[in-house]
N, C-alpha and C. Protein backbone atom coordinates (compact mmCIF):
# COMPACT_ATOMS: atom_id res chain seq x y z
N MET A 1 -105.57 65.58 -73.89
CA MET A 1 -105.64 66.75 -73.02
C MET A 1 -104.80 66.48 -71.76
N SER A 2 -103.97 67.41 -71.45
CA SER A 2 -103.09 67.27 -70.29
C SER A 2 -103.90 67.39 -69.00
N LEU A 3 -103.47 66.65 -68.01
CA LEU A 3 -104.17 66.67 -66.72
C LEU A 3 -104.02 68.03 -66.04
N PHE A 4 -102.88 68.69 -66.25
CA PHE A 4 -102.64 69.97 -65.59
C PHE A 4 -103.34 71.15 -66.26
N ARG A 5 -104.03 70.90 -67.37
CA ARG A 5 -104.84 71.97 -67.97
C ARG A 5 -106.18 72.14 -67.25
N GLN A 6 -106.55 71.14 -66.48
CA GLN A 6 -107.79 71.23 -65.72
C GLN A 6 -107.51 71.99 -64.43
N PRO A 7 -108.31 73.01 -64.14
CA PRO A 7 -108.02 73.89 -63.00
C PRO A 7 -107.98 73.18 -61.65
N LEU A 8 -108.84 72.21 -61.43
CA LEU A 8 -108.86 71.53 -60.14
C LEU A 8 -107.57 70.74 -59.90
N PHE A 9 -107.12 70.00 -60.90
CA PHE A 9 -105.89 69.24 -60.74
C PHE A 9 -104.68 70.15 -60.59
N ARG A 10 -104.69 71.28 -61.32
CA ARG A 10 -103.60 72.24 -61.20
C ARG A 10 -103.59 72.84 -59.80
N LEU A 11 -104.76 73.17 -59.27
CA LEU A 11 -104.87 73.71 -57.91
C LEU A 11 -104.36 72.70 -56.89
N LEU A 12 -104.75 71.44 -57.04
CA LEU A 12 -104.30 70.41 -56.11
C LEU A 12 -102.80 70.18 -56.21
N ALA A 13 -102.26 70.18 -57.42
CA ALA A 13 -100.82 69.94 -57.59
C ALA A 13 -100.00 71.08 -56.99
N ILE A 14 -100.44 72.31 -57.20
CA ILE A 14 -99.72 73.46 -56.64
C ILE A 14 -99.75 73.41 -55.12
N ASN A 15 -100.90 73.13 -54.55
CA ASN A 15 -101.01 73.10 -53.09
C ASN A 15 -100.33 71.88 -52.50
N LEU A 16 -100.27 70.77 -53.23
CA LEU A 16 -99.50 69.62 -52.77
C LEU A 16 -98.02 69.98 -52.71
N ALA A 17 -97.54 70.69 -53.73
CA ALA A 17 -96.14 71.11 -53.73
C ALA A 17 -95.85 72.06 -52.56
N ILE A 18 -96.78 72.92 -52.25
CA ILE A 18 -96.61 73.83 -51.10
C ILE A 18 -96.56 73.03 -49.81
N GLY A 19 -97.44 72.06 -49.66
CA GLY A 19 -97.44 71.22 -48.46
C GLY A 19 -96.18 70.39 -48.33
N LEU A 20 -95.70 69.85 -49.45
CA LEU A 20 -94.47 69.06 -49.42
C LEU A 20 -93.27 69.92 -49.07
N SER A 21 -93.24 71.14 -49.60
CA SER A 21 -92.16 72.06 -49.26
C SER A 21 -92.17 72.41 -47.78
N ALA A 22 -93.36 72.63 -47.24
CA ALA A 22 -93.47 72.94 -45.81
C ALA A 22 -93.01 71.76 -44.96
N ALA A 23 -93.31 70.54 -45.40
CA ALA A 23 -92.89 69.34 -44.66
C ALA A 23 -91.38 69.20 -44.66
N VAL A 24 -90.76 69.42 -45.80
CA VAL A 24 -89.30 69.32 -45.89
C VAL A 24 -88.65 70.41 -45.05
N LEU A 25 -89.20 71.63 -45.10
CA LEU A 25 -88.66 72.72 -44.28
C LEU A 25 -88.81 72.43 -42.79
N LEU A 26 -89.93 71.84 -42.41
CA LEU A 26 -90.13 71.51 -41.01
C LEU A 26 -89.13 70.45 -40.54
N LEU A 27 -88.91 69.43 -41.35
CA LEU A 27 -87.95 68.41 -40.96
C LEU A 27 -86.54 68.99 -40.90
N GLY A 28 -86.20 69.83 -41.86
CA GLY A 28 -84.89 70.49 -41.83
C GLY A 28 -84.74 71.38 -40.61
N GLY A 29 -85.82 72.09 -40.25
CA GLY A 29 -85.78 72.93 -39.06
C GLY A 29 -85.66 72.12 -37.79
N LEU A 30 -86.32 70.97 -37.75
CA LEU A 30 -86.20 70.11 -36.57
C LEU A 30 -84.78 69.56 -36.43
N PHE A 31 -84.17 69.20 -37.55
CA PHE A 31 -82.79 68.72 -37.49
C PHE A 31 -81.83 69.86 -37.14
N ALA A 32 -82.10 71.06 -37.63
CA ALA A 32 -81.20 72.19 -37.35
C ALA A 32 -81.31 72.64 -35.89
N LEU A 33 -82.53 72.70 -35.37
CA LEU A 33 -82.73 73.19 -34.00
C LEU A 33 -82.49 72.12 -32.94
N ASN A 34 -82.67 70.86 -33.30
CA ASN A 34 -82.47 69.73 -32.39
C ASN A 34 -83.25 69.89 -31.08
N PRO A 35 -84.58 70.04 -31.15
CA PRO A 35 -85.35 70.20 -29.91
C PRO A 35 -85.36 68.92 -29.09
N ASP A 36 -85.03 69.05 -27.83
CA ASP A 36 -84.99 67.93 -26.89
C ASP A 36 -84.15 66.76 -27.39
N GLY A 37 -83.13 67.05 -28.19
CA GLY A 37 -82.22 66.02 -28.66
C GLY A 37 -82.81 65.10 -29.71
N LEU A 38 -83.79 65.58 -30.49
CA LEU A 38 -84.44 64.73 -31.50
C LEU A 38 -83.45 64.30 -32.58
N ARG A 39 -82.64 65.24 -33.06
CA ARG A 39 -81.65 64.89 -34.09
C ARG A 39 -80.66 63.86 -33.55
N ASP A 40 -80.20 64.06 -32.32
CA ASP A 40 -79.26 63.11 -31.72
C ASP A 40 -79.89 61.73 -31.56
N LEU A 41 -81.17 61.71 -31.19
CA LEU A 41 -81.88 60.44 -31.03
C LEU A 41 -82.00 59.71 -32.36
N ILE A 42 -82.34 60.44 -33.42
CA ILE A 42 -82.49 59.82 -34.73
C ILE A 42 -81.14 59.33 -35.25
N LEU A 43 -80.10 60.14 -35.09
CA LEU A 43 -78.78 59.76 -35.61
C LEU A 43 -78.13 58.65 -34.79
N ALA A 44 -78.56 58.45 -33.54
CA ALA A 44 -78.01 57.38 -32.71
C ALA A 44 -78.64 56.02 -33.02
N ASP A 45 -79.68 56.02 -33.82
CA ASP A 45 -80.35 54.76 -34.17
C ASP A 45 -79.47 53.94 -35.11
N ARG A 46 -79.76 52.64 -35.21
CA ARG A 46 -79.00 51.78 -36.12
C ARG A 46 -79.23 52.17 -37.58
N SER A 47 -80.44 52.60 -37.90
CA SER A 47 -80.74 53.02 -39.27
C SER A 47 -81.41 54.40 -39.22
N PRO A 48 -80.61 55.46 -39.16
CA PRO A 48 -81.19 56.80 -39.04
C PRO A 48 -81.96 57.23 -40.29
N ALA A 49 -81.60 56.69 -41.43
CA ALA A 49 -82.33 57.05 -42.65
C ALA A 49 -83.77 56.56 -42.60
N THR A 50 -83.98 55.39 -42.02
CA THR A 50 -85.34 54.86 -41.89
C THR A 50 -86.17 55.71 -40.95
N ALA A 51 -85.60 56.09 -39.82
CA ALA A 51 -86.34 56.92 -38.86
C ALA A 51 -86.65 58.29 -39.46
N ALA A 52 -85.66 58.90 -40.12
CA ALA A 52 -85.88 60.20 -40.74
C ALA A 52 -86.87 60.09 -41.90
N GLY A 53 -86.78 59.00 -42.65
CA GLY A 53 -87.71 58.80 -43.76
C GLY A 53 -89.15 58.63 -43.31
N LEU A 54 -89.34 57.88 -42.24
CA LEU A 54 -90.70 57.71 -41.71
C LEU A 54 -91.25 59.02 -41.16
N LEU A 55 -90.40 59.79 -40.49
CA LEU A 55 -90.83 61.09 -39.99
C LEU A 55 -91.17 62.02 -41.14
N LEU A 56 -90.33 62.03 -42.17
CA LEU A 56 -90.60 62.85 -43.35
C LEU A 56 -91.87 62.40 -44.05
N PHE A 57 -92.09 61.10 -44.18
CA PHE A 57 -93.30 60.60 -44.83
C PHE A 57 -94.55 61.05 -44.07
N GLY A 58 -94.51 60.98 -42.75
CA GLY A 58 -95.66 61.45 -41.96
C GLY A 58 -95.91 62.94 -42.16
N PHE A 59 -94.85 63.73 -42.21
CA PHE A 59 -95.01 65.16 -42.44
C PHE A 59 -95.52 65.44 -43.86
N LEU A 60 -95.02 64.68 -44.84
CA LEU A 60 -95.46 64.88 -46.23
C LEU A 60 -96.96 64.60 -46.38
N VAL A 61 -97.40 63.50 -45.81
CA VAL A 61 -98.83 63.17 -45.89
C VAL A 61 -99.67 64.22 -45.17
N THR A 62 -99.23 64.61 -43.99
CA THR A 62 -100.01 65.56 -43.19
C THR A 62 -100.08 66.93 -43.85
N PHE A 63 -98.92 67.50 -44.16
CA PHE A 63 -98.90 68.86 -44.70
C PHE A 63 -99.44 68.92 -46.13
N GLY A 64 -99.19 67.88 -46.93
CA GLY A 64 -99.76 67.84 -48.27
C GLY A 64 -101.28 67.78 -48.23
N SER A 65 -101.81 66.96 -47.33
CA SER A 65 -103.27 66.85 -47.21
C SER A 65 -103.90 68.13 -46.69
N VAL A 66 -103.25 68.75 -45.72
CA VAL A 66 -103.79 70.00 -45.17
C VAL A 66 -103.79 71.10 -46.23
N ALA A 67 -102.74 71.22 -46.99
CA ALA A 67 -102.67 72.25 -48.02
C ALA A 67 -103.72 72.02 -49.10
N MET A 68 -103.87 70.77 -49.55
CA MET A 68 -104.86 70.49 -50.58
C MET A 68 -106.28 70.64 -50.04
N GLY A 69 -106.53 70.19 -48.82
CA GLY A 69 -107.86 70.33 -48.23
C GLY A 69 -108.24 71.78 -48.03
N THR A 70 -107.29 72.59 -47.60
CA THR A 70 -107.56 74.02 -47.42
C THR A 70 -107.88 74.67 -48.76
N ALA A 71 -107.16 74.29 -49.80
CA ALA A 71 -107.43 74.86 -51.12
C ALA A 71 -108.81 74.47 -51.62
N VAL A 72 -109.20 73.23 -51.44
CA VAL A 72 -110.51 72.79 -51.90
C VAL A 72 -111.62 73.46 -51.10
N MET A 73 -111.44 73.57 -49.79
CA MET A 73 -112.48 74.18 -48.95
C MET A 73 -112.64 75.67 -49.21
N SER A 74 -111.60 76.32 -49.72
CA SER A 74 -111.69 77.77 -49.94
C SER A 74 -112.03 78.12 -51.38
N ILE A 75 -112.43 77.17 -52.20
CA ILE A 75 -112.76 77.45 -53.60
C ILE A 75 -113.90 78.46 -53.70
N GLY A 76 -114.93 78.33 -52.93
CA GLY A 76 -116.09 79.20 -53.05
C GLY A 76 -115.94 80.55 -52.40
N TYR A 77 -114.84 80.80 -51.70
CA TYR A 77 -114.67 82.07 -51.01
C TYR A 77 -113.80 83.05 -51.76
N GLY A 78 -113.62 82.85 -53.05
CA GLY A 78 -112.79 83.75 -53.84
C GLY A 78 -113.58 84.95 -54.32
N ASP A 79 -112.88 85.88 -54.91
CA ASP A 79 -113.52 87.05 -55.49
C ASP A 79 -113.98 86.66 -56.88
N SER A 80 -115.27 86.73 -57.16
CA SER A 80 -115.80 86.28 -58.44
C SER A 80 -115.91 87.40 -59.44
N GLY A 81 -115.26 88.51 -59.19
CA GLY A 81 -115.32 89.63 -60.12
C GLY A 81 -116.40 90.61 -59.71
N GLY A 82 -116.15 91.87 -59.92
CA GLY A 82 -117.13 92.88 -59.57
C GLY A 82 -117.21 93.16 -58.09
N GLY A 83 -116.32 92.63 -57.30
CA GLY A 83 -116.29 92.89 -55.87
C GLY A 83 -117.32 92.10 -55.08
N LYS A 84 -118.08 91.23 -55.73
CA LYS A 84 -119.08 90.43 -55.02
C LYS A 84 -118.46 89.10 -54.62
N ARG A 85 -118.92 88.59 -53.50
CA ARG A 85 -118.44 87.28 -53.05
C ARG A 85 -119.39 86.21 -53.54
N ARG A 86 -118.85 85.06 -53.90
CA ARG A 86 -119.69 83.95 -54.33
C ARG A 86 -120.41 83.35 -53.14
N THR A 87 -121.53 82.75 -53.43
CA THR A 87 -122.28 82.09 -52.36
C THR A 87 -121.94 80.61 -52.34
N ILE A 88 -122.06 80.02 -51.19
CA ILE A 88 -121.83 78.60 -51.03
C ILE A 88 -123.20 77.96 -50.81
N GLY A 89 -123.55 77.02 -51.66
CA GLY A 89 -124.86 76.37 -51.52
C GLY A 89 -125.97 77.37 -51.80
N HIS A 90 -126.94 77.42 -50.90
CA HIS A 90 -128.05 78.34 -51.09
C HIS A 90 -127.97 79.52 -50.14
N GLY A 91 -127.00 79.54 -49.27
CA GLY A 91 -126.86 80.63 -48.30
C GLY A 91 -126.04 81.77 -48.85
N THR A 92 -125.71 82.68 -47.98
CA THR A 92 -124.91 83.82 -48.38
C THR A 92 -123.56 83.75 -47.69
N ALA A 93 -122.56 84.36 -48.30
CA ALA A 93 -121.22 84.35 -47.72
C ALA A 93 -121.06 85.49 -46.72
N ASP A 94 -122.05 86.37 -46.60
CA ASP A 94 -121.97 87.50 -45.68
C ASP A 94 -122.52 87.09 -44.32
N PRO A 95 -121.70 87.06 -43.27
CA PRO A 95 -122.20 86.60 -41.96
C PRO A 95 -123.24 87.54 -41.37
N ARG A 96 -123.20 88.84 -41.71
CA ARG A 96 -124.21 89.76 -41.18
C ARG A 96 -125.59 89.44 -41.72
N ALA A 97 -125.66 89.06 -43.00
CA ALA A 97 -126.94 88.70 -43.59
C ALA A 97 -127.47 87.41 -42.97
N ALA A 98 -126.59 86.47 -42.67
CA ALA A 98 -127.02 85.22 -42.04
C ALA A 98 -127.57 85.48 -40.65
N ARG A 99 -126.94 86.37 -39.88
CA ARG A 99 -127.46 86.70 -38.55
C ARG A 99 -128.79 87.43 -38.66
N ALA A 100 -128.93 88.31 -39.64
CA ALA A 100 -130.18 89.05 -39.79
C ALA A 100 -131.32 88.11 -40.17
N SER A 101 -131.03 87.14 -41.04
CA SER A 101 -132.09 86.22 -41.43
C SER A 101 -132.45 85.28 -40.29
N SER A 102 -131.49 84.94 -39.43
CA SER A 102 -131.80 84.05 -38.32
C SER A 102 -132.61 84.77 -37.24
N ARG A 103 -132.47 86.08 -37.13
CA ARG A 103 -133.27 86.84 -36.17
C ARG A 103 -134.74 86.93 -36.61
N SER A 104 -134.96 86.92 -37.92
CA SER A 104 -136.33 87.09 -38.41
C SER A 104 -137.14 85.79 -38.31
N ILE A 105 -136.53 84.68 -38.00
CA ILE A 105 -137.24 83.41 -37.89
C ILE A 105 -137.83 83.30 -36.48
N ASN A 106 -139.12 83.06 -36.42
CA ASN A 106 -139.81 82.92 -35.14
C ASN A 106 -140.00 81.42 -34.89
N LEU A 107 -139.40 80.90 -33.83
CA LEU A 107 -139.45 79.48 -33.56
C LEU A 107 -140.56 79.10 -32.56
N SER A 108 -141.41 80.03 -32.18
CA SER A 108 -142.44 79.69 -31.20
C SER A 108 -143.68 79.11 -31.82
C-alpha cells in the first residue's frame, strides 16, 4: 500500500509542498527586493551559497512546519456534509453555544 494513499500523509505532503514553495518564494523576494542590502551582504560573503542555503533551510523548516501544523489543527473544522460542522472533543464548534452553556453554569 502506497504511503500517499493514506489521507493524513497526503494532507501533510501537500501542505509541506505549499510551505516549501512559500519559503522559496520568500527567499526569491528577499533577493529581488534587497531590503536593507541583504542580497548585497550575502553576495559579499566568501561563500554566498552557504549563507543563502542556511537562510533557505531556516525558511523551509519554518514555513513547512507552519503549513503542516495549520493543516493538522484545522482537520476538525471542515464541513462534514449536510451543512453541519464537526465537533472537536466533547464540545461544540459553535461559539454561541459555548457562551450560552457557560452562562448557565452557576459557580457560587
